[in-house]
Protein backbone atom coordinates (compact mmCIF):
# COMPACT_ATOMS: atom_id res chain seq x y z
CA UNK A 1 0.20 0.34 0.02
CA UNK A 2 1.43 3.74 -1.13
CA UNK A 3 2.65 5.58 2.11
CA UNK A 4 2.35 9.21 2.23
CA UNK A 5 5.92 10.49 2.30
CA UNK A 6 7.19 14.13 4.72
CA UNK A 7 7.01 16.90 2.60
CA UNK A 8 7.91 20.54 3.79
CA UNK A 9 6.75 23.89 2.15
CA UNK A 10 8.94 26.13 2.62
CA UNK A 11 9.09 30.10 1.90
CA UNK A 12 10.69 32.54 0.87
CA UNK A 13 10.84 30.22 -1.64
CA UNK A 14 14.69 31.75 -3.06
CA UNK A 15 15.69 30.36 -0.17
CA UNK A 16 14.22 26.70 -0.44
CA UNK A 17 17.31 24.61 -2.56
CA UNK A 18 17.59 23.91 -6.04
CA UNK A 19 15.30 20.93 -5.96
CA UNK A 20 14.40 18.79 -8.20
CA UNK A 21 16.20 19.57 -12.21
CA UNK A 22 13.26 17.55 -13.95
CA UNK A 23 10.87 20.06 -12.62
CA UNK A 24 13.20 21.97 -15.55
CA UNK A 25 13.84 19.45 -17.92
CA UNK A 26 10.82 17.94 -18.39
CA UNK A 27 9.24 20.78 -19.65
CA UNK A 28 11.61 21.46 -21.93
CA UNK A 29 11.19 18.02 -23.41
CA UNK A 30 7.60 18.58 -23.56
CA UNK A 31 8.25 21.51 -24.91
CA UNK A 32 10.61 19.92 -28.02
CA UNK A 33 13.74 20.90 -26.75
CA UNK A 34 16.64 18.44 -28.08
CA UNK A 35 18.33 16.67 -24.71
CA UNK A 36 22.02 16.21 -25.65
CA UNK A 37 23.32 15.70 -22.62
CA UNK A 38 25.48 12.07 -22.08
CA UNK A 39 25.18 9.22 -19.21
CA UNK A 40 27.22 11.22 -16.78
CA UNK A 41 27.95 14.31 -17.93
CA UNK A 42 26.04 17.71 -18.02
CA UNK A 43 22.72 18.31 -18.95
CA UNK A 44 22.81 20.20 -22.39
CA UNK A 45 19.42 21.07 -23.56
CA UNK A 46 19.82 23.58 -27.32
CA UNK A 47 15.71 24.77 -28.76
CA UNK A 48 14.39 23.74 -31.41
CA UNK A 49 15.82 26.22 -33.46
CA UNK A 50 19.03 25.82 -32.05
CA UNK A 51 19.36 29.67 -31.02
CA UNK A 52 19.01 29.02 -27.66
CA UNK A 53 21.30 26.36 -25.28
CA UNK A 54 20.59 25.54 -21.78
CA UNK A 55 22.92 24.01 -19.46
CA UNK A 56 23.23 22.26 -16.23
CA UNK A 57 26.62 21.07 -14.54
CA UNK A 58 27.08 19.89 -11.34
CA UNK A 59 31.11 18.95 -11.89
CA UNK A 60 32.49 22.05 -11.85
CA UNK A 61 32.60 25.60 -9.49
CA UNK A 62 30.57 27.05 -9.17
CA UNK A 63 28.70 25.39 -10.92
CA UNK A 64 24.67 25.73 -11.94
CA UNK A 65 22.77 26.81 -15.22
CA UNK A 66 24.23 28.62 -18.22
CA UNK A 67 21.73 30.24 -21.06
CA UNK A 68 23.51 31.38 -24.31
CA UNK A 69 21.22 32.96 -26.71
CA UNK A 70 22.68 33.34 -30.12
CA UNK A 71 22.68 36.43 -31.82
CA UNK A 72 20.23 37.23 -34.79
CA UNK A 73 18.32 39.73 -36.94
CA UNK A 74 16.42 40.31 -34.23
CA UNK A 75 18.44 40.52 -31.25
CA UNK A 76 21.88 40.54 -29.93
CA UNK A 77 23.65 37.60 -28.69
CA UNK A 78 23.22 37.55 -24.89
CA UNK A 79 24.56 35.12 -21.41
CA UNK A 80 22.84 34.21 -18.22
CA UNK A 81 24.03 32.20 -15.11
CA UNK A 82 22.38 30.80 -12.43
CA UNK A 83 23.94 28.82 -9.37
CA UNK A 84 23.37 25.21 -8.25
CA UNK A 85 21.23 26.35 -5.10
CA UNK A 86 18.53 28.83 -7.03
CA UNK A 87 15.34 26.75 -6.26
CA UNK A 88 14.32 25.11 -10.52
CA UNK A 89 10.82 27.06 -9.68
CA UNK A 90 12.56 30.03 -10.29
CA UNK A 91 14.73 28.93 -13.29
CA UNK A 92 11.70 27.43 -14.69
CA UNK A 93 10.75 31.50 -14.54
CA UNK A 94 12.74 31.93 -16.54
CA UNK A 95 13.40 28.86 -18.97
CA UNK A 96 9.57 28.74 -19.52
CA UNK A 97 9.21 32.30 -21.40
CA UNK A 98 11.84 30.78 -23.22
CA UNK A 99 9.18 28.50 -24.78
CA UNK A 100 6.48 30.73 -24.86
CA UNK A 101 4.98 33.73 -27.63
CA UNK A 102 7.00 36.70 -26.58
CA UNK A 103 3.34 39.29 -25.06
CA UNK A 104 2.43 42.12 -27.43
CA UNK A 105 2.90 44.45 -23.81
CA UNK A 106 6.42 46.03 -23.35
CA UNK A 107 8.11 43.84 -20.62
CA UNK A 108 8.76 45.68 -16.74
CA UNK A 109 11.04 44.21 -15.07
CA UNK A 110 10.35 45.56 -11.48
CA UNK A 111 6.38 45.44 -11.79
CA UNK A 112 6.55 41.52 -10.43
CA UNK A 113 8.86 42.69 -8.23
CA UNK A 114 7.12 46.11 -6.85
CA UNK A 115 3.85 44.32 -7.03
CA UNK A 116 4.78 41.58 -3.68
CA UNK A 117 6.06 44.68 -2.22
CA UNK A 118 10.13 44.66 -2.46
CA UNK A 119 11.45 47.52 -2.43
CA UNK A 120 12.85 49.85 -4.99
CA UNK A 121 16.47 52.15 -4.00
CA UNK A 122 17.69 54.59 -7.26
CA UNK A 123 21.47 55.42 -6.64
CA UNK A 124 24.32 54.20 -8.64
CA UNK A 125 22.54 50.64 -9.61
CA UNK A 126 18.80 50.84 -9.58
CA UNK A 127 17.88 47.93 -6.96
CA UNK A 128 14.59 45.79 -5.59
CA UNK A 129 15.06 44.06 -2.52
CA UNK A 130 12.58 41.63 -1.01
CA UNK A 131 10.21 42.33 2.13
CA UNK A 132 12.31 40.42 4.25
CA UNK A 133 15.69 41.90 3.10
CA UNK A 134 17.22 38.58 2.06
CA UNK A 135 16.89 39.31 -1.89
CA UNK A 136 16.89 41.56 -4.68
CA UNK A 137 17.83 42.38 -8.16
CA UNK A 138 20.13 44.90 -9.83
CA UNK A 139 20.34 46.97 -13.13
CA UNK A 140 24.16 47.49 -12.04
CA UNK A 141 25.86 49.45 -14.82
CA UNK A 142 29.48 51.25 -14.00
CA UNK A 143 29.73 53.04 -17.32
CA UNK A 144 28.31 53.26 -21.32
CA UNK A 145 28.71 50.17 -22.68
CA UNK A 146 29.01 47.94 -19.13
CA UNK A 147 26.09 47.03 -17.77
CA UNK A 148 24.08 43.90 -16.54
CA UNK A 149 21.02 42.25 -14.41
CA UNK A 150 22.41 41.49 -11.50
CA UNK A 151 20.37 39.05 -8.64
CA UNK A 152 21.08 37.22 -5.49
CA UNK A 153 19.59 35.81 -2.06
CA UNK A 154 21.52 35.25 1.65
CA UNK A 155 20.52 33.71 5.11
CA UNK A 156 21.51 34.33 8.07
CA UNK A 157 24.63 32.51 7.33
CA UNK A 158 26.38 33.80 3.65
CA UNK A 159 24.87 34.14 0.17
CA UNK A 160 23.54 30.91 -1.26
CA UNK A 161 23.37 31.99 -4.75
CA UNK A 162 23.56 34.54 -7.49
CA UNK A 163 22.37 34.82 -10.96
CA UNK A 164 24.24 37.42 -14.04
CA UNK A 165 22.28 38.12 -17.02
CA UNK A 166 23.53 40.45 -19.77
CA UNK A 167 22.35 43.97 -21.14
CA UNK A 168 20.99 42.12 -23.93
CA UNK A 169 18.94 39.54 -21.93
CA UNK A 170 15.45 39.45 -23.70
CA UNK A 171 13.80 41.72 -21.16
CA UNK A 172 10.46 39.79 -21.04
CA UNK A 173 12.85 37.02 -19.73
CA UNK A 174 14.41 39.21 -17.02
CA UNK A 175 11.03 40.12 -16.02
CA UNK A 176 9.96 36.62 -16.02
CA UNK A 177 12.65 35.52 -13.85
CA UNK A 178 11.73 38.18 -11.26
CA UNK A 179 8.54 37.46 -11.29
CA UNK A 180 9.13 33.35 -9.89
CA UNK A 181 11.51 35.34 -8.10
CA UNK A 182 9.05 37.16 -6.55
CA UNK A 183 6.26 35.11 -6.41
CA UNK A 184 5.06 34.83 -2.81
CA UNK A 185 3.53 31.23 -2.92
CA UNK A 186 5.91 28.39 -1.15
CA UNK A 187 7.78 25.51 -2.87
CA UNK A 188 7.83 22.05 -1.68
CA UNK A 189 11.15 20.42 -0.74
CA UNK A 190 11.24 16.11 0.62
CA UNK A 191 12.65 15.61 3.70
CA UNK A 192 15.82 16.11 5.13
CA UNK A 193 16.38 18.58 1.66
CA UNK A 194 15.79 21.47 3.98
CA UNK A 195 18.61 24.44 4.24
CA UNK A 196 19.76 25.18 7.74
CA UNK A 197 18.60 28.53 7.67
CA UNK A 198 16.28 30.31 10.87
CA UNK A 199 14.92 33.06 7.84
CA UNK A 200 12.89 30.39 6.26
CA UNK A 201 8.86 29.34 7.26
CA UNK A 202 7.98 25.63 6.36
CA UNK A 203 4.55 23.49 6.66
CA UNK A 204 4.29 20.11 6.99
CA UNK A 205 2.56 18.45 4.71
CA UNK A 206 2.62 14.97 3.63
CA UNK A 207 2.33 13.51 0.45
CA UNK A 208 1.60 10.34 -1.43
CA UNK A 209 4.36 9.36 -4.73
CA UNK A 210 1.42 9.20 -6.90
CA UNK A 211 1.04 13.42 -6.24
CA UNK A 212 4.57 14.05 -6.33
CA UNK A 213 3.77 12.32 -9.96
CA UNK A 214 0.40 13.92 -10.85
CA UNK A 215 1.92 17.32 -10.34
CA UNK A 216 4.62 16.62 -12.39
CA UNK A 217 2.91 15.51 -15.12
CA UNK A 218 0.30 18.08 -14.88
CA UNK A 219 3.02 20.14 -15.30
CA UNK A 220 4.64 18.28 -18.07
CA UNK A 221 1.60 17.79 -20.08
CA UNK A 222 0.87 21.59 -20.07
CA UNK A 223 3.84 22.64 -21.73
CA UNK A 224 2.85 19.91 -23.75
CA UNK A 225 -0.47 21.36 -24.78
CA UNK A 226 1.34 25.18 -24.91
CA UNK A 227 3.77 24.18 -27.34
CA UNK A 228 1.06 22.22 -30.25
CA UNK A 229 -1.37 25.23 -29.90
CA UNK A 230 1.16 27.76 -30.36
CA UNK A 231 2.35 25.68 -34.04
CA UNK A 232 1.40 27.38 -37.07
CA UNK A 233 0.63 24.08 -37.92
CA UNK A 234 -1.32 22.75 -34.89
CA UNK A 235 -4.57 22.66 -36.31
CA UNK A 236 -4.34 21.20 -40.11
CA UNK A 237 -4.05 17.54 -38.29
CA UNK A 238 -7.31 17.73 -36.28
CA UNK A 239 -6.38 13.70 -35.91
CA UNK A 240 -3.27 13.58 -33.88
CA UNK A 241 -3.07 15.84 -30.22
CA UNK A 242 -1.34 16.39 -28.07
CA UNK A 243 -1.71 13.96 -25.76
CA UNK A 244 -0.56 11.70 -28.12
CA UNK A 245 2.67 12.46 -28.51
CA UNK A 246 5.51 10.24 -25.81
CA UNK A 247 7.69 12.29 -23.00
CA UNK A 248 11.02 10.91 -21.52
CA UNK A 249 11.69 11.32 -18.68
CA UNK A 250 15.46 11.45 -16.58
CA UNK A 251 15.90 11.69 -12.82
CA UNK A 252 18.22 14.59 -11.34
CA UNK A 253 18.27 16.73 -8.19
CA UNK A 254 20.49 19.34 -7.03
CA UNK A 255 21.75 19.91 -3.44
């Protein structure tokens, strides 16, 4: 008989630790990204049009996520790096935005932060700080042509992670990252996978393994359906549905 397992809902989410990499990678596969990873090696994914590459390497220091966009007619080359302890739910804010059509509305990175009570600071660099003071996002500009976006989180011990985005990173992607960073909803972590910090708030929950699988599969199905819907030829094949397309999965966790 299936046994419930102890998990924790953790807030603020930016101090919850890295989490299960499948939250990001399974959605990328469902959206048609090509998995180029070799067994035992770092994760590597290419976008369907081969203009963006996402990697995750736990075997180097400091390690973590690297995302590179090639130069196109519409946009300059760009690069983003996110540390290993950036929660996967926040990473997914950025990577999910790479798989969706861009909104027609002009992006504003600060809007999702200010709407959640993040405090603006205007000095040499424009900064927004979380209400509890443990996370920040900053547009750092040292001089003409020398700028980047920088985010970080810290607990009572030290800085737990950094994320860096070149100034050429598409603004709607940075906005999506900011939205996931400021999201007030807690994230779930299994027993034994909590960071040692007094600055997190936890709620104990009992979860069946089948529930965890169902929630992850629902995320994969939503990603697959969204991708199918936005393909220009999707409606031309009435006999085929997104659910008919197989998906692969690969286990992976970040510590």
